[in-house]
Amino acid sequence: MTVETINTDNVKAQMRKGILEYCILLILARNDAYATVIINELKAAKMIVVEGTLYPLLMRQKNQGLLNYRWEESPQGPPRKYYMITEKGRQFLQELNASWDELVVTINAIR
């Protein structure tokens, strides 16, 4: 089997999907943000995502108590829903950071 016959795009997409929720928490740990800002940060980091993917993840994280949100008036259009990380979300993020660090060490050892 040659490299051309393996769909590397699919493998890369699966890897991104697995860490997307982690990336959302990382973004919101820096600043509260509304969905468009989160999407733009993810796109800038080559973690391509669309609103249809993001909103269910945000809702799941909110239902788990990791995020909360507030409505804020916008100078351009309707009010915006700003997401923020909760204390529980920060604690969970610390655990994910430790897991990520361990994973990087493991992958680098294997490489």
PDB file of N, CA and C in Angstrom:
ATOM      1  N   MET A   1       0.852  -1.187   0.000  1.00  0.00           N
ATOM      2  CA  MET A   1       0.000   0.000   0.000  1.00  0.00           C
ATOM      3  C   MET A   1       0.894   1.244   0.000  1.00  0.00           C
ATOM      4  N   THR A   2       0.629   2.159  -0.891  1.00  0.00           N
ATOM      5  CA  THR A   2       1.431   3.375  -0.970  1.00  0.00           C
ATOM      6  C   THR A   2       0.769   4.488  -0.182  1.00  0.00           C
ATOM      7  N   VAL A   3       1.537   5.532   0.053  1.00  0.00           N
ATOM      8  CA  VAL A   3       1.021   6.687   0.801  1.00  0.00           C
ATOM      9  C   VAL A   3      -0.168   7.309   0.080  1.00  0.00           C
ATOM     10  N   GLU A   4      -0.158   7.251  -1.260  1.00  0.00           N
ATOM     11  CA  GLU A   4      -1.260   7.849  -2.021  1.00  0.00           C
ATOM     12  C   GLU A   4      -2.596   7.167  -1.737  1.00  0.00           C
ATOM     13  N   THR A   5      -2.566   5.857  -1.396  1.00  0.00           N
ATOM     14  CA  THR A   5      -3.816   5.143  -1.182  1.00  0.00           C
ATOM     15  C   THR A   5      -4.358   5.310   0.239  1.00  0.00           C
ATOM     16  N   ILE A   6      -3.576   5.880   1.128  1.00  0.00           N
ATOM     17  CA  ILE A   6      -4.029   6.119   2.498  1.00  0.00           C
ATOM     18  C   ILE A   6      -4.590   7.536   2.570  1.00  0.00           C
ATOM     19  N   ASN A   7      -5.762   7.682   3.131  1.00  0.00           N
ATOM     20  CA  ASN A   7      -6.386   8.997   3.240  1.00  0.00           C
ATOM     21  C   ASN A   7      -5.854   9.712   4.477  1.00  0.00           C
ATOM     22  N   THR A   8      -4.739  10.435   4.320  1.00  0.00           N
ATOM     23  CA  THR A   8      -4.148  11.139   5.464  1.00  0.00           C
ATOM     24  C   THR A   8      -5.048  12.261   5.964  1.00  0.00           C
ATOM     25  N   ASP A   9      -5.831  12.854   5.074  1.00  0.00           N
ATOM     26  CA  ASP A   9      -6.741  13.922   5.504  1.00  0.00           C
ATOM     27  C   ASP A   9      -7.735  13.397   6.537  1.00  0.00           C
ATOM     28  N   ASN A  10      -8.234  12.188   6.335  1.00  0.00           N
ATOM     29  CA  ASN A  10      -9.192  11.607   7.268  1.00  0.00           C
ATOM     30  C   ASN A  10      -8.538  11.357   8.631  1.00  0.00           C
ATOM     31  N   VAL A  11      -7.319  10.854   8.632  1.00  0.00           N
ATOM     32  CA  VAL A  11      -6.606  10.606   9.882  1.00  0.00           C
ATOM     33  C   VAL A  11      -6.362  11.922  10.608  1.00  0.00           C
ATOM     34  N   LYS A  12      -5.928  12.943   9.869  1.00  0.00           N
ATOM     35  CA  LYS A  12      -5.691  14.252  10.487  1.00  0.00           C
ATOM     36  C   LYS A  12      -6.986  14.826  11.056  1.00  0.00           C
ATOM     37  N   ALA A  13      -8.086  14.679  10.340  1.00  0.00           N
ATOM     38  CA  ALA A  13      -9.375  15.187  10.810  1.00  0.00           C
ATOM     39  C   ALA A  13      -9.785  14.488  12.105  1.00  0.00           C
ATOM     40  N   GLN A  14      -9.555  13.184  12.193  1.00  0.00           N
ATOM     41  CA  GLN A  14      -9.893  12.443  13.410  1.00  0.00           C
ATOM     42  C   GLN A  14      -9.027  12.898  14.584  1.00  0.00           C
ATOM     43  N   MET A  15      -7.761  13.170  14.326  1.00  0.00           N
ATOM     44  CA  MET A  15      -6.883  13.659  15.390  1.00  0.00           C
ATOM     45  C   MET A  15      -7.353  15.018  15.886  1.00  0.00           C
ATOM     46  N   ARG A  16      -7.716  15.905  14.963  1.00  0.00           N
ATOM     47  CA  ARG A  16      -8.198  17.239  15.351  1.00  0.00           C
ATOM     48  C   ARG A  16      -9.487  17.131  16.159  1.00  0.00           C
ATOM     49  N   LYS A  17     -10.390  16.277  15.691  1.00  0.00           N
ATOM     50  CA  LYS A  17     -11.672  16.119  16.362  1.00  0.00           C
ATOM     51  C   LYS A  17     -11.471  15.682  17.814  1.00  0.00           C
ATOM     52  N   GLY A  18     -10.487  14.827  18.029  1.00  0.00           N
ATOM     53  CA  GLY A  18     -10.230  14.327  19.370  1.00  0.00           C
ATOM     54  C   GLY A  18      -9.741  15.377  20.340  1.00  0.00           C
ATOM     55  N   ILE A  19      -9.134  16.440  19.837  1.00  0.00           N
ATOM     56  CA  ILE A  19      -8.592  17.460  20.746  1.00  0.00           C
ATOM     57  C   ILE A  19      -9.338  18.796  20.658  1.00  0.00           C
ATOM     58  N   LEU A  20     -10.408  18.833  19.900  1.00  0.00           N
ATOM     59  CA  LEU A  20     -11.146  20.078  19.710  1.00  0.00           C
ATOM     60  C   LEU A  20     -11.712  20.632  21.018  1.00  0.00           C
ATOM     61  N   GLU A  21     -12.288  19.784  21.850  1.00  0.00           N
ATOM     62  CA  GLU A  21     -12.856  20.260  23.114  1.00  0.00           C
ATOM     63  C   GLU A  21     -11.768  20.823  24.020  1.00  0.00           C
ATOM     64  N   TYR A  22     -10.600  20.204  23.988  1.00  0.00           N
ATOM     65  CA  TYR A  22      -9.449  20.701  24.742  1.00  0.00           C
ATOM     66  C   TYR A  22      -9.062  22.095  24.249  1.00  0.00           C
ATOM     67  N   CYS A  23      -9.012  22.270  22.937  1.00  0.00           N
ATOM     68  CA  CYS A  23      -8.649  23.568  22.349  1.00  0.00           C
ATOM     69  C   CYS A  23      -9.650  24.660  22.718  1.00  0.00           C
ATOM     70  N   ILE A  24     -10.928  24.319  22.759  1.00  0.00           N
ATOM     71  CA  ILE A  24     -11.954  25.292  23.138  1.00  0.00           C
ATOM     72  C   ILE A  24     -11.704  25.782  24.565  1.00  0.00           C
ATOM     73  N   LEU A  25     -11.416  24.869  25.469  1.00  0.00           N
ATOM     74  CA  LEU A  25     -11.138  25.263  26.856  1.00  0.00           C
ATOM     75  C   LEU A  25      -9.886  26.122  26.944  1.00  0.00           C
ATOM     76  N   LEU A  26      -8.858  25.778  26.158  1.00  0.00           N
ATOM     77  CA  LEU A  26      -7.638  26.585  26.153  1.00  0.00           C
ATOM     78  C   LEU A  26      -7.922  28.019  25.715  1.00  0.00           C
ATOM     79  N   ILE A  27      -8.723  28.173  24.678  1.00  0.00           N
ATOM     80  CA  ILE A  27      -9.071  29.511  24.167  1.00  0.00           C
ATOM     81  C   ILE A  27      -9.842  30.292  25.235  1.00  0.00           C
ATOM     82  N   LEU A  28     -10.839  29.652  25.842  1.00  0.00           N
ATOM     83  CA  LEU A  28     -11.685  30.358  26.811  1.00  0.00           C
ATOM     84  C   LEU A  28     -10.977  30.589  28.143  1.00  0.00           C
ATOM     85  N   ALA A  29      -9.913  29.854  28.411  1.00  0.00           N
ATOM     86  CA  ALA A  29      -9.140  30.106  29.631  1.00  0.00           C
ATOM     87  C   ALA A  29      -8.393  31.429  29.530  1.00  0.00           C
ATOM     88  N   ARG A  30      -8.112  31.873  28.299  1.00  0.00           N
ATOM     89  CA  ARG A  30      -7.421  33.158  28.103  1.00  0.00           C
ATOM     90  C   ARG A  30      -8.392  34.328  28.172  1.00  0.00           C
ATOM     91  N   ASN A  31      -9.551  34.185  27.506  1.00  0.00           N
ATOM     92  CA  ASN A  31     -10.542  35.266  27.444  1.00  0.00           C
ATOM     93  C   ASN A  31     -11.925  34.694  27.176  1.00  0.00           C
ATOM     94  N   ASP A  32     -12.951  35.362  27.706  1.00  0.00           N
ATOM     95  CA  ASP A  32     -14.319  35.037  27.315  1.00  0.00           C
ATOM     96  C   ASP A  32     -14.439  35.341  25.823  1.00  0.00           C
ATOM     97  N   ALA A  33     -15.267  34.572  25.117  1.00  0.00           N
ATOM     98  CA  ALA A  33     -15.377  34.791  23.676  1.00  0.00           C
ATOM     99  C   ALA A  33     -16.717  34.291  23.165  1.00  0.00           C
ATOM    100  N   TYR A  34     -17.165  34.859  22.059  1.00  0.00           N
ATOM    101  CA  TYR A  34     -18.358  34.349  21.392  1.00  0.00           C
ATOM    102  C   TYR A  34     -17.918  33.418  20.268  1.00  0.00           C
ATOM    103  N   ALA A  35     -18.862  32.666  19.733  1.00  0.00           N
ATOM    104  CA  ALA A  35     -18.558  31.556  18.826  1.00  0.00           C
ATOM    105  C   ALA A  35     -17.678  31.963  17.646  1.00  0.00           C
ATOM    106  N   THR A  36     -17.946  33.093  17.031  1.00  0.00           N
ATOM    107  CA  THR A  36     -17.172  33.503  15.859  1.00  0.00           C
ATOM    108  C   THR A  36     -15.694  33.693  16.215  1.00  0.00           C
ATOM    109  N   VAL A  37     -15.413  34.253  17.370  1.00  0.00           N
ATOM    110  CA  VAL A  37     -14.027  34.450  17.810  1.00  0.00           C
ATOM    111  C   VAL A  37     -13.360  33.089  18.023  1.00  0.00           C
ATOM    112  N   ILE A  38     -14.085  32.163  18.649  1.00  0.00           N
ATOM    113  CA  ILE A  38     -13.542  30.825  18.879  1.00  0.00           C
ATOM    114  C   ILE A  38     -13.235  30.150  17.541  1.00  0.00           C
ATOM    115  N   ILE A  39     -14.171  30.215  16.613  1.00  0.00           N
ATOM    116  CA  ILE A  39     -13.968  29.613  15.279  1.00  0.00           C
ATOM    117  C   ILE A  39     -12.766  30.242  14.588  1.00  0.00           C
ATOM    118  N   ASN A  40     -12.648  31.561  14.642  1.00  0.00           N
ATOM    119  CA  ASN A  40     -11.524  32.231  13.986  1.00  0.00           C
ATOM    120  C   ASN A  40     -10.188  31.816  14.586  1.00  0.00           C
ATOM    121  N   GLU A  41     -10.129  31.676  15.915  1.00  0.00           N
ATOM    122  CA  GLU A  41      -8.883  31.224  16.552  1.00  0.00           C
ATOM    123  C   GLU A  41      -8.539  29.799  16.132  1.00  0.00           C
ATOM    124  N   LEU A  42      -9.549  28.950  16.086  1.00  0.00           N
ATOM    125  CA  LEU A  42      -9.318  27.570  15.670  1.00  0.00           C
ATOM    126  C   LEU A  42      -8.853  27.503  14.215  1.00  0.00           C
ATOM    127  N   LYS A  43      -9.487  28.299  13.354  1.00  0.00           N
ATOM    128  CA  LYS A  43      -9.079  28.333  11.941  1.00  0.00           C
ATOM    129  C   LYS A  43      -7.660  28.862  11.784  1.00  0.00           C
ATOM    130  N   ALA A  44      -7.317  29.893  12.543  1.00  0.00           N
ATOM    131  CA  ALA A  44      -5.964  30.458  12.475  1.00  0.00           C
ATOM    132  C   ALA A  44      -4.919  29.422  12.885  1.00  0.00           C
ATOM    133  N   ALA A  45      -5.302  28.502  13.766  1.00  0.00           N
ATOM    134  CA  ALA A  45      -4.403  27.447  14.224  1.00  0.00           C
ATOM    135  C   ALA A  45      -4.511  26.194  13.343  1.00  0.00           C
ATOM    136  N   LYS A  46      -5.225  26.315  12.210  1.00  0.00           N
ATOM    137  CA  LYS A  46      -5.424  25.199  11.278  1.00  0.00           C
ATOM    138  C   LYS A  46      -6.288  24.080  11.862  1.00  0.00           C
ATOM    139  N   MET A  47      -7.102  24.422  12.857  1.00  0.00           N
ATOM    140  CA  MET A  47      -8.077  23.478  13.412  1.00  0.00           C
ATOM    141  C   MET A  47      -9.432  23.847  12.809  1.00  0.00           C
ATOM    142  N   ILE A  48      -9.587  23.579  11.534  1.00  0.00           N
ATOM    143  CA  ILE A  48     -10.770  23.999  10.803  1.00  0.00           C
ATOM    144  C   ILE A  48     -12.028  23.423  11.467  1.00  0.00           C
ATOM    145  N   VAL A  49     -12.967  24.297  11.724  1.00  0.00           N
ATOM    146  CA  VAL A  49     -14.220  23.893  12.345  1.00  0.00           C
ATOM    147  C   VAL A  49     -15.321  24.835  11.844  1.00  0.00           C
ATOM    148  N   VAL A  50     -16.541  24.335  11.788  1.00  0.00           N
ATOM    149  CA  VAL A  50     -17.685  25.146  11.363  1.00  0.00           C
ATOM    150  C   VAL A  50     -18.639  25.299  12.543  1.00  0.00           C
ATOM    151  N   GLU A  51     -19.527  26.256  12.440  1.00  0.00           N
ATOM    152  CA  GLU A  51     -20.453  26.522  13.539  1.00  0.00           C
ATOM    153  C   GLU A  51     -21.252  25.285  13.915  1.00  0.00           C
ATOM    154  N   GLY A  52     -21.642  24.502  12.923  1.00  0.00           N
ATOM    155  CA  GLY A  52     -22.425  23.297  13.181  1.00  0.00           C
ATOM    156  C   GLY A  52     -21.685  22.277  14.033  1.00  0.00           C
ATOM    157  N   THR A  53     -20.378  22.330  14.025  1.00  0.00           N
ATOM    158  CA  THR A  53     -19.556  21.457  14.860  1.00  0.00           C
ATOM    159  C   THR A  53     -19.336  22.083  16.229  1.00  0.00           C
ATOM    160  N   LEU A  54     -19.122  23.390  16.253  1.00  0.00           N
ATOM    161  CA  LEU A  54     -18.767  24.075  17.490  1.00  0.00           C
ATOM    162  C   LEU A  54     -19.915  24.126  18.500  1.00  0.00           C
ATOM    163  N   TYR A  55     -21.106  24.486  18.057  1.00  0.00           N
ATOM    164  CA  TYR A  55     -22.202  24.695  19.002  1.00  0.00           C
ATOM    165  C   TYR A  55     -22.554  23.461  19.833  1.00  0.00           C
ATOM    166  N   PRO A  56     -22.604  22.264  19.247  1.00  0.00           N
ATOM    167  CA  PRO A  56     -22.870  21.091  20.095  1.00  0.00           C
ATOM    168  C   PRO A  56     -21.774  20.853  21.136  1.00  0.00           C
ATOM    169  N   LEU A  57     -20.529  21.133  20.779  1.00  0.00           N
ATOM    170  CA  LEU A  57     -19.430  20.981  21.741  1.00  0.00           C
ATOM    171  C   LEU A  57     -19.559  21.985  22.877  1.00  0.00           C
ATOM    172  N   LEU A  58     -19.873  23.230  22.532  1.00  0.00           N
ATOM    173  CA  LEU A  58     -20.061  24.256  23.565  1.00  0.00           C
ATOM    174  C   LEU A  58     -21.216  23.889  24.493  1.00  0.00           C
ATOM    175  N   MET A  59     -22.299  23.384  23.918  1.00  0.00           N
ATOM    176  CA  MET A  59     -23.460  23.006  24.733  1.00  0.00           C
ATOM    177  C   MET A  59     -23.114  21.825  25.646  1.00  0.00           C
ATOM    178  N   ARG A  60     -22.382  20.866  25.120  1.00  0.00           N
ATOM    179  CA  ARG A  60     -21.982  19.720  25.941  1.00  0.00           C
ATOM    180  C   ARG A  60     -21.090  20.182  27.105  1.00  0.00           C
ATOM    181  N   GLN A  61     -20.135  21.061  26.804  1.00  0.00           N
ATOM    182  CA  GLN A  61     -19.251  21.558  27.859  1.00  0.00           C
ATOM    183  C   GLN A  61     -20.019  22.381  28.888  1.00  0.00           C
ATOM    184  N   LYS A  62     -21.022  23.135  28.428  1.00  0.00           N
ATOM    185  CA  LYS A  62     -21.853  23.893  29.367  1.00  0.00           C
ATOM    186  C   LYS A  62     -22.649  22.939  30.248  1.00  0.00           C
ATOM    187  N   ASN A  63     -23.239  21.908  29.655  1.00  0.00           N
ATOM    188  CA  ASN A  63     -24.025  20.939  30.422  1.00  0.00           C
ATOM    189  C   ASN A  63     -23.169  20.163  31.427  1.00  0.00           C
ATOM    190  N   GLN A  64     -21.880  20.033  31.139  1.00  0.00           N
ATOM    191  CA  GLN A  64     -20.961  19.364  32.062  1.00  0.00           C
ATOM    192  C   GLN A  64     -20.464  20.314  33.151  1.00  0.00           C
ATOM    193  N   GLY A  65     -20.853  21.593  33.057  1.00  0.00           N
ATOM    194  CA  GLY A  65     -20.438  22.574  34.050  1.00  0.00           C
ATOM    195  C   GLY A  65     -19.058  23.147  33.804  1.00  0.00           C
ATOM    196  N   LEU A  66     -18.500  22.909  32.612  1.00  0.00           N
ATOM    197  CA  LEU A  66     -17.164  23.408  32.290  1.00  0.00           C
ATOM    198  C   LEU A  66     -17.202  24.844  31.776  1.00  0.00           C
ATOM    199  N   LEU A  67     -18.331  25.224  31.192  1.00  0.00           N
ATOM    200  CA  LEU A  67     -18.511  26.567  30.627  1.00  0.00           C
ATOM    201  C   LEU A  67     -19.807  27.164  31.131  1.00  0.00           C
ATOM    202  N   ASN A  68     -19.874  28.477  31.015  1.00  0.00           N
ATOM    203  CA  ASN A  68     -21.099  29.214  31.229  1.00  0.00           C
ATOM    204  C   ASN A  68     -21.154  30.259  30.128  1.00  0.00           C
ATOM    205  N   TYR A  69     -22.221  31.023  30.062  1.00  0.00           N
ATOM    206  CA  TYR A  69     -22.284  32.081  29.053  1.00  0.00           C
ATOM    207  C   TYR A  69     -23.110  33.244  29.566  1.00  0.00           C
ATOM    208  N   ARG A  70     -22.907  34.372  28.898  1.00  0.00           N
ATOM    209  CA  ARG A  70     -23.702  35.564  29.188  1.00  0.00           C
ATOM    210  C   ARG A  70     -24.021  36.219  27.844  1.00  0.00           C
ATOM    211  N   TRP A  71     -25.123  36.940  27.810  1.00  0.00           N
ATOM    212  CA  TRP A  71     -25.489  37.692  26.615  1.00  0.00           C
ATOM    213  C   TRP A  71     -24.925  39.096  26.732  1.00  0.00           C
ATOM    214  N   GLU A  72     -24.382  39.604  25.646  1.00  0.00           N
ATOM    215  CA  GLU A  72     -23.819  40.949  25.630  1.00  0.00           C
ATOM    216  C   GLU A  72     -24.286  41.660  24.367  1.00  0.00           C
ATOM    217  N   GLU A  73     -24.708  42.911  24.530  1.00  0.00           N
ATOM    218  CA  GLU A  73     -25.132  43.692  23.366  1.00  0.00           C
ATOM    219  C   GLU A  73     -23.966  43.853  22.392  1.00  0.00           C
ATOM    220  N   SER A  74     -24.297  43.841  21.119  1.00  0.00           N
ATOM    221  CA  SER A  74     -23.280  43.994  20.080  1.00  0.00           C
ATOM    222  C   SER A  74     -23.498  45.306  19.348  1.00  0.00           C
ATOM    223  N   PRO A  75     -22.421  46.040  19.028  1.00  0.00           N
ATOM    224  CA  PRO A  75     -22.584  47.271  18.260  1.00  0.00           C
ATOM    225  C   PRO A  75     -22.999  46.980  16.812  1.00  0.00           C
ATOM    226  N   GLN A  76     -22.808  45.733  16.390  1.00  0.00           N
ATOM    227  CA  GLN A  76     -23.157  45.338  15.012  1.00  0.00           C
ATOM    228  C   GLN A  76     -24.080  44.135  15.050  1.00  0.00           C
ATOM    229  N   GLY A  77     -25.363  44.373  15.120  1.00  0.00           N
ATOM    230  CA  GLY A  77     -26.312  43.271  15.060  1.00  0.00           C
ATOM    231  C   GLY A  77     -26.875  42.858  16.405  1.00  0.00           C
ATOM    232  N   PRO A  78     -27.373  41.630  16.457  1.00  0.00           N
ATOM    233  CA  PRO A  78     -28.042  41.146  17.672  1.00  0.00           C
ATOM    234  C   PRO A  78     -27.050  40.893  18.810  1.00  0.00           C
ATOM    235  N   PRO A  79     -27.561  40.709  20.033  1.00  0.00           N
ATOM    236  CA  PRO A  79     -26.675  40.405  21.163  1.00  0.00           C
ATOM    237  C   PRO A  79     -25.867  39.130  20.896  1.00  0.00           C
ATOM    238  N   ARG A  80     -24.698  39.066  21.515  1.00  0.00           N
ATOM    239  CA  ARG A  80     -23.809  37.916  21.330  1.00  0.00           C
ATOM    240  C   ARG A  80     -23.742  37.105  22.620  1.00  0.00           C
ATOM    241  N   LYS A  81     -23.650  35.790  22.450  1.00  0.00           N
ATOM    242  CA  LYS A  81     -23.503  34.891  23.588  1.00  0.00           C
ATOM    243  C   LYS A  81     -22.005  34.686  23.825  1.00  0.00           C
ATOM    244  N   TYR A  82     -21.519  35.230  24.941  1.00  0.00           N
ATOM    245  CA  TYR A  82     -20.111  35.093  25.306  1.00  0.00           C
ATOM    246  C   TYR A  82     -19.946  33.893  26.235  1.00  0.00           C
ATOM    247  N   TYR A  83     -19.053  32.994  25.848  1.00  0.00           N
ATOM    248  CA  TYR A  83     -18.765  31.812  26.661  1.00  0.00           C
ATOM    249  C   TYR A  83     -17.589  32.099  27.572  1.00  0.00           C
ATOM    250  N   MET A  84     -17.635  31.512  28.773  1.00  0.00           N
ATOM    251  CA  MET A  84     -16.537  31.674  29.730  1.00  0.00           C
ATOM    252  C   MET A  84     -16.322  30.337  30.426  1.00  0.00           C
ATOM    253  N   ILE A  85     -15.095  30.089  30.802  1.00  0.00           N
ATOM    254  CA  ILE A  85     -14.759  28.856  31.491  1.00  0.00           C
ATOM    255  C   ILE A  85     -15.112  29.007  32.971  1.00  0.00           C
ATOM    256  N   THR A  86     -15.635  27.951  33.568  1.00  0.00           N
ATOM    257  CA  THR A  86     -15.992  27.965  34.991  1.00  0.00           C
ATOM    258  C   THR A  86     -14.803  27.464  35.809  1.00  0.00           C
ATOM    259  N   GLU A  87     -14.935  27.531  37.117  1.00  0.00           N
ATOM    260  CA  GLU A  87     -13.877  26.991  37.987  1.00  0.00           C
ATOM    261  C   GLU A  87     -13.710  25.499  37.748  1.00  0.00           C
ATOM    262  N   LYS A  88     -14.821  24.792  37.608  1.00  0.00           N
ATOM    263  CA  LYS A  88     -14.766  23.363  37.298  1.00  0.00           C
ATOM    264  C   LYS A  88     -14.048  23.143  35.960  1.00  0.00           C
ATOM    265  N   GLY A  89     -14.327  24.024  34.995  1.00  0.00           N
ATOM    266  CA  GLY A  89     -13.661  23.941  33.696  1.00  0.00           C
ATOM    267  C   GLY A  89     -12.163  24.166  33.807  1.00  0.00           C
ATOM    268  N   ARG A  90     -11.762  25.098  34.662  1.00  0.00           N
ATOM    269  CA  ARG A  90     -10.318  25.357  34.870  1.00  0.00           C
ATOM    270  C   ARG A  90      -9.627  24.151  35.507  1.00  0.00           C
ATOM    271  N   GLN A  91     -10.295  23.526  36.465  1.00  0.00           N
ATOM    272  CA  GLN A  91      -9.725  22.332  37.094  1.00  0.00           C
ATOM    273  C   GLN A  91      -9.602  21.201  36.069  1.00  0.00           C
ATOM    274  N   PHE A  92     -10.640  21.029  35.265  1.00  0.00           N
ATOM    275  CA  PHE A  92     -10.624  20.004  34.220  1.00  0.00           C
ATOM    276  C   PHE A  92      -9.517  20.295  33.209  1.00  0.00           C
ATOM    277  N   LEU A  93      -9.350  21.571  32.855  1.00  0.00           N
ATOM    278  CA  LEU A  93      -8.311  21.970  31.923  1.00  0.00           C
ATOM    279  C   LEU A  93      -6.920  21.649  32.482  1.00  0.00           C
ATOM    280  N   GLN A  94      -6.717  21.843  33.782  1.00  0.00           N
ATOM    281  CA  GLN A  94      -5.433  21.479  34.396  1.00  0.00           C
ATOM    282  C   GLN A  94      -5.150  19.985  34.221  1.00  0.00           C
ATOM    283  N   GLU A  95      -6.189  19.177  34.390  1.00  0.00           N
ATOM    284  CA  GLU A  95      -6.032  17.733  34.196  1.00  0.00           C
ATOM    285  C   GLU A  95      -5.709  17.414  32.737  1.00  0.00           C
ATOM    286  N   LEU A  96      -6.396  18.092  31.817  1.00  0.00           N
ATOM    287  CA  LEU A  96      -6.125  17.873  30.392  1.00  0.00           C
ATOM    288  C   LEU A  96      -4.715  18.316  30.029  1.00  0.00           C
ATOM    289  N   ASN A  97      -4.256  19.427  30.599  1.00  0.00           N
ATOM    290  CA  ASN A  97      -2.892  19.890  30.337  1.00  0.00           C
ATOM    291  C   ASN A  97      -1.872  18.836  30.771  1.00  0.00           C
ATOM    292  N   ALA A  98      -2.078  18.260  31.950  1.00  0.00           N
ATOM    293  CA  ALA A  98      -1.168  17.226  32.438  1.00  0.00           C
ATOM    294  C   ALA A  98      -1.210  16.000  31.520  1.00  0.00           C
ATOM    295  N   SER A  99      -2.407  15.618  31.098  1.00  0.00           N
ATOM    296  CA  SER A  99      -2.544  14.473  30.189  1.00  0.00           C
ATOM    297  C   SER A  99      -1.880  14.759  28.854  1.00  0.00           C
ATOM    298  N   TRP A 100      -2.054  15.977  28.365  1.00  0.00           N
ATOM    299  CA  TRP A 100      -1.432  16.359  27.097  1.00  0.00           C
ATOM    300  C   TRP A 100       0.090  16.280  27.194  1.00  0.00           C
ATOM    301  N   ASP A 101       0.639  16.824  28.282  1.00  0.00           N
ATOM    302  CA  ASP A 101       2.093  16.793  28.481  1.00  0.00           C
ATOM    303  C   ASP A 101       2.611  15.358  28.501  1.00  0.00           C
ATOM    304  N   GLU A 102       1.892  14.470  29.184  1.00  0.00           N
ATOM    305  CA  GLU A 102       2.279  13.053  29.223  1.00  0.00           C
ATOM    306  C   GLU A 102       2.215  12.429  27.829  1.00  0.00           C
ATOM    307  N   LEU A 103       1.163  12.769  27.095  1.00  0.00           N
ATOM    308  CA  LEU A 103       0.985  12.219  25.751  1.00  0.00           C
ATOM    309  C   LEU A 103       2.113  12.675  24.816  1.00  0.00           C
ATOM    310  N   VAL A 104       2.479  13.939  24.905  1.00  0.00           N
ATOM    311  CA  VAL A 104       3.563  14.463  24.063  1.00  0.00           C
ATOM    312  C   VAL A 104       4.870  13.743  24.360  1.00  0.00           C
ATOM    313  N   VAL A 105       5.161  13.528  25.640  1.00  0.00           N
ATOM    314  CA  VAL A 105       6.381  12.806  26.022  1.00  0.00           C
ATOM    315  C   VAL A 105       6.331  11.383  25.459  1.00  0.00           C
ATOM    316  N   THR A 106       5.201  10.735  25.581  1.00  0.00           N
ATOM    317  CA  THR A 106       5.056   9.370  25.086  1.00  0.00           C
ATOM    318  C   THR A 106       5.236   9.303  23.569  1.00  0.00           C
ATOM    319  N   ILE A 107       4.566  10.191  22.851  1.00  0.00           N
ATOM    320  CA  ILE A 107       4.665  10.198  21.379  1.00  0.00           C
ATOM    321  C   ILE A 107       6.095  10.503  20.960  1.00  0.00           C
ATOM    322  N   ASN A 108       6.734  11.454  21.605  1.00  0.00           N
ATOM    323  CA  ASN A 108       8.127  11.796  21.255  1.00  0.00           C
ATOM    324  C   ASN A 108       9.060  10.623  21.529  1.00  0.00           C
ATOM    325  N   ALA A 109       8.804   9.874  22.588  1.00  0.00           N
ATOM    326  CA  ALA A 109       9.628   8.699  22.889  1.00  0.00           C
ATOM    327  C   ALA A 109       9.459   7.626  21.800  1.00  0.00           C
ATOM    328  N   ILE A 110       8.240   7.472  21.326  1.00  0.00           N
ATOM    329  CA  ILE A 110       7.966   6.483  20.277  1.00  0.00           C
ATOM    330  C   ILE A 110       8.539   6.937  18.941  1.00  0.00           C
ATOM    331  N   ARG A 111       8.471   8.214  18.659  1.00  0.00           N
ATOM    332  CA  ARG A 111       8.972   8.746  17.381  1.00  0.00           C
ATOM    333  C   ARG A 111      10.460   8.562  17.301  1.00  0.00           C
TER     334      ARG A 111
END
